[in-house]
Amino acid sequence: MTNKKDVRGPVILECTSCLQTGGNKILIGISRYITQKNRHNTPNRLELKKFCRRCYKHTIHVEIKK
């Protein structure tokens, strides 16, 4: 039997326009979404247009590594 957990797993999407520089720190991505994707059908990083609660507009959210 195949392990179905390996095929469809959770991914985290992060807003690309929520970059903030403050002094020495870089605060990346306040707006995050959690979704699932099929790793066989979509091997590349996922990019979706979602609503950012921080920017108050629709922006592109990309998949980040865990």
N, C-alpha and C. Protein backbone atom coordinates (compact mmCIF):
# COMPACT_ATOMS: atom_id res chain seq x y z
N MET A 1 0.83 -1.19 0.00
CA MET A 1 0.00 0.00 0.00
C MET A 1 0.87 1.24 0.00
N THR A 2 0.38 2.28 -0.63
CA THR A 2 1.12 3.53 -0.66
C THR A 2 0.71 4.41 0.50
N ASN A 3 1.62 5.26 0.91
CA ASN A 3 1.34 6.17 2.01
C ASN A 3 0.75 7.46 1.43
N LYS A 4 -0.52 7.71 1.69
CA LYS A 4 -1.22 8.85 1.10
C LYS A 4 -0.80 10.18 1.73
N LYS A 5 -0.18 10.15 2.90
CA LYS A 5 0.22 11.40 3.54
C LYS A 5 1.36 12.07 2.78
N ASP A 6 2.14 11.29 2.04
CA ASP A 6 3.25 11.87 1.30
C ASP A 6 2.78 12.63 0.07
N VAL A 7 1.64 12.25 -0.51
CA VAL A 7 1.16 12.86 -1.74
C VAL A 7 0.55 14.24 -1.48
N ARG A 8 -0.35 14.33 -0.55
CA ARG A 8 -1.04 15.59 -0.28
C ARG A 8 -0.66 16.06 1.12
N GLY A 9 0.06 17.18 1.17
CA GLY A 9 0.52 17.65 2.46
C GLY A 9 0.22 19.12 2.65
N PRO A 10 0.31 19.59 3.88
CA PRO A 10 0.04 21.01 4.14
C PRO A 10 1.19 21.89 3.68
N VAL A 11 0.85 23.07 3.16
CA VAL A 11 1.83 24.07 2.76
C VAL A 11 1.43 25.41 3.37
N ILE A 12 2.41 26.28 3.58
CA ILE A 12 2.16 27.60 4.14
C ILE A 12 2.39 28.63 3.05
N LEU A 13 1.41 29.51 2.84
CA LEU A 13 1.52 30.59 1.87
C LEU A 13 1.78 31.89 2.60
N GLU A 14 2.72 32.69 2.09
CA GLU A 14 3.11 33.93 2.74
C GLU A 14 3.05 35.08 1.74
N CYS A 15 2.60 36.24 2.21
CA CYS A 15 2.47 37.43 1.37
C CYS A 15 3.84 37.92 0.91
N THR A 16 3.95 38.30 -0.36
CA THR A 16 5.23 38.76 -0.90
C THR A 16 5.43 40.26 -0.70
N SER A 17 4.37 41.01 -0.51
CA SER A 17 4.52 42.46 -0.40
C SER A 17 4.61 42.94 1.05
N CYS A 18 4.59 42.06 2.01
CA CYS A 18 4.67 42.43 3.43
C CYS A 18 6.11 42.39 3.92
N LEU A 19 7.01 42.95 3.18
CA LEU A 19 8.40 43.00 3.63
C LEU A 19 8.62 44.33 4.32
N GLN A 20 9.22 44.28 5.48
CA GLN A 20 9.45 45.49 6.27
C GLN A 20 10.87 45.48 6.76
N THR A 21 11.58 46.57 6.59
CA THR A 21 12.93 46.65 7.14
C THR A 21 12.92 47.65 8.28
N GLY A 22 13.48 47.24 9.39
CA GLY A 22 13.53 48.13 10.53
C GLY A 22 14.85 47.94 11.26
N GLY A 23 15.79 48.85 11.06
CA GLY A 23 17.09 48.72 11.71
C GLY A 23 17.84 47.53 11.15
N ASN A 24 18.23 46.62 12.02
CA ASN A 24 18.97 45.44 11.60
C ASN A 24 18.05 44.28 11.24
N LYS A 25 16.81 44.31 11.73
CA LYS A 25 15.89 43.21 11.55
C LYS A 25 15.13 43.33 10.23
N ILE A 26 14.75 42.19 9.70
CA ILE A 26 13.84 42.14 8.56
C ILE A 26 12.65 41.30 8.99
N LEU A 27 11.48 41.89 9.02
CA LEU A 27 10.26 41.20 9.39
C LEU A 27 9.60 40.74 8.11
N ILE A 28 9.46 39.44 7.93
CA ILE A 28 8.96 38.90 6.67
C ILE A 28 7.59 38.27 6.90
N GLY A 29 6.63 38.67 6.08
CA GLY A 29 5.35 37.99 5.97
C GLY A 29 4.51 37.90 7.21
N ILE A 30 3.69 38.88 7.43
CA ILE A 30 2.74 38.81 8.54
C ILE A 30 1.53 37.97 8.12
N SER A 31 1.07 38.14 6.89
CA SER A 31 -0.11 37.44 6.40
C SER A 31 0.28 36.05 5.91
N ARG A 32 -0.27 35.01 6.53
CA ARG A 32 0.02 33.63 6.13
C ARG A 32 -1.27 32.84 6.03
N TYR A 33 -1.31 31.94 5.09
CA TYR A 33 -2.43 31.01 4.91
C TYR A 33 -1.88 29.60 4.92
N ILE A 34 -2.67 28.65 5.40
CA ILE A 34 -2.31 27.24 5.38
C ILE A 34 -3.30 26.53 4.47
N THR A 35 -2.77 25.76 3.51
CA THR A 35 -3.60 25.03 2.57
C THR A 35 -2.93 23.71 2.25
N GLN A 36 -3.50 22.95 1.33
CA GLN A 36 -2.93 21.68 0.91
C GLN A 36 -2.70 21.69 -0.58
N LYS A 37 -1.73 20.88 -1.05
CA LYS A 37 -1.52 20.73 -2.48
C LYS A 37 -1.09 19.30 -2.76
N ASN A 38 -1.37 18.86 -3.97
CA ASN A 38 -0.95 17.54 -4.42
C ASN A 38 0.46 17.66 -4.96
N ARG A 39 1.41 17.01 -4.33
CA ARG A 39 2.82 17.15 -4.70
C ARG A 39 3.16 16.49 -6.02
N HIS A 40 2.36 15.53 -6.47
CA HIS A 40 2.60 14.89 -7.76
C HIS A 40 2.16 15.79 -8.91
N ASN A 41 1.02 16.45 -8.78
CA ASN A 41 0.50 17.32 -9.84
C ASN A 41 1.17 18.68 -9.86
N THR A 42 1.59 19.20 -8.71
CA THR A 42 2.20 20.52 -8.60
C THR A 42 3.53 20.41 -7.86
N PRO A 43 4.60 20.05 -8.55
CA PRO A 43 5.88 19.91 -7.85
C PRO A 43 6.54 21.26 -7.56
N ASN A 44 6.21 22.30 -8.33
CA ASN A 44 6.80 23.62 -8.13
C ASN A 44 6.13 24.33 -6.96
N ARG A 45 6.70 25.46 -6.56
CA ARG A 45 6.10 26.24 -5.48
C ARG A 45 4.77 26.84 -5.92
N LEU A 46 3.83 26.83 -5.01
CA LEU A 46 2.48 27.29 -5.27
C LEU A 46 2.42 28.81 -5.12
N GLU A 47 1.74 29.49 -6.05
CA GLU A 47 1.52 30.94 -5.98
C GLU A 47 0.03 31.20 -6.18
N LEU A 48 -0.59 31.82 -5.19
CA LEU A 48 -2.01 32.14 -5.27
C LEU A 48 -2.23 33.60 -4.90
N LYS A 49 -3.25 34.19 -5.49
CA LYS A 49 -3.61 35.56 -5.17
C LYS A 49 -4.65 35.51 -4.05
N LYS A 50 -4.25 35.99 -2.86
CA LYS A 50 -5.10 35.94 -1.68
C LYS A 50 -5.20 37.34 -1.07
N PHE A 51 -6.14 37.51 -0.16
CA PHE A 51 -6.31 38.79 0.53
C PHE A 51 -5.33 38.88 1.69
N CYS A 52 -4.55 39.95 1.73
CA CYS A 52 -3.60 40.17 2.82
C CYS A 52 -4.27 41.07 3.86
N ARG A 53 -4.33 40.59 5.09
CA ARG A 53 -4.98 41.35 6.16
C ARG A 53 -4.16 42.54 6.60
N ARG A 54 -2.87 42.51 6.31
CA ARG A 54 -2.00 43.61 6.70
C ARG A 54 -1.99 44.72 5.66
N CYS A 55 -1.99 44.35 4.36
CA CYS A 55 -1.97 45.34 3.28
C CYS A 55 -3.37 45.81 2.91
N TYR A 56 -4.39 45.08 3.31
CA TYR A 56 -5.79 45.35 2.97
C TYR A 56 -6.02 45.37 1.46
N LYS A 57 -5.39 44.42 0.75
CA LYS A 57 -5.62 44.26 -0.68
C LYS A 57 -5.22 42.85 -1.09
N HIS A 58 -5.59 42.46 -2.30
CA HIS A 58 -5.24 41.15 -2.82
C HIS A 58 -3.81 41.18 -3.35
N THR A 59 -2.97 40.28 -2.85
CA THR A 59 -1.57 40.20 -3.26
C THR A 59 -1.22 38.75 -3.55
N ILE A 60 -0.06 38.54 -4.14
CA ILE A 60 0.40 37.19 -4.43
C ILE A 60 1.04 36.59 -3.18
N HIS A 61 0.58 35.41 -2.83
CA HIS A 61 1.13 34.66 -1.71
C HIS A 61 1.86 33.45 -2.28
N VAL A 62 3.10 33.22 -1.83
CA VAL A 62 3.89 32.10 -2.34
C VAL A 62 4.15 31.10 -1.22
N GLU A 63 4.43 29.88 -1.61
CA GLU A 63 4.71 28.81 -0.67
C GLU A 63 6.09 29.01 -0.06
N ILE A 64 6.17 28.82 1.25
CA ILE A 64 7.46 28.94 1.94
C ILE A 64 7.85 27.57 2.48
N LYS A 65 9.12 27.39 2.76
CA LYS A 65 9.58 26.15 3.35
C LYS A 65 9.28 26.15 4.84
N LYS A 66 9.03 24.98 5.39
CA LYS A 66 8.69 24.86 6.81
C LYS A 66 9.92 24.95 7.66
